[in-house]
């Protein structure tokens, strides 16, 4: 049985890629940093397909994600390699702790991402490794990304979750500097420059963060204090590892609208 603590909270944040295969959920954002302006419902089948709808059932987007690639330099020259999905032959196998959580990842982002909707904040919510592992900006050595207060057990959308009030460390390294899960002055100034319009007038004192225990997904962030207090996201899991047919991720046929004047000799069918 998992016991909440600062250590297990960190391990859970890096474990998501190995804890579920499909996920159905709703998510909404609040405050000025919104991935999408209204709540959406999503169906995600790992490793590479995603369906997003409005809560009213209108299709927003179907995403088929390609594998990420990276350039590799060798004595024979440069080449491009595909970054694996979790479970692929040759993919990094994580070292597991006795409780089944991931003890460490070679690099925080050494796997291909889940399908992305709009920005990398979406990806980071589903695999919140940026809340676990950071990099010392001076030495590039691994360091903790957060300094969490006491971790407590809570319920989120009817599911067990762990909540902590956290503060970013100098090693906090978001997946993308323009859309981090947590606001951090150092990260923002590296991305936008000191005094840029994108920077909050007053930064939050801390952040409230919740992780779903079963999946490792970050189900809630909330800024505490600052000029954008309360900003964050709220994700509610509806189903885990349910079967998802290919039809769910198939684009509906497009309707062809006739434009311009009718062809000579053309008349409506009822004439």
Foldseek 3Di string as FASTA:
>chain_A
DDDDWPQVLLLLLQFQLPQFFKFWWKKFWDFDQGLDHAIWIKIFGPDFWMWIGRPVGHTDDITGDDFDKDWDQDPVGIDIDGQARPPDVVHDDFDADPVGTGPDDPDSPSHGFHTDRRDCLRRCLSRVNLQRWFAQPVPRDIDGQKDWDGWDWDAALNAIKIKTWIDGDNRRDAPDLVRRQADDVVSVCVVANPPDPPHFPWHAPTWMWMAGNSRSGTQWIAGHDGPGGGTHMGMHTDDTHDDDDPVSNDDDDDDDDDDDDDDPPDDDPVD
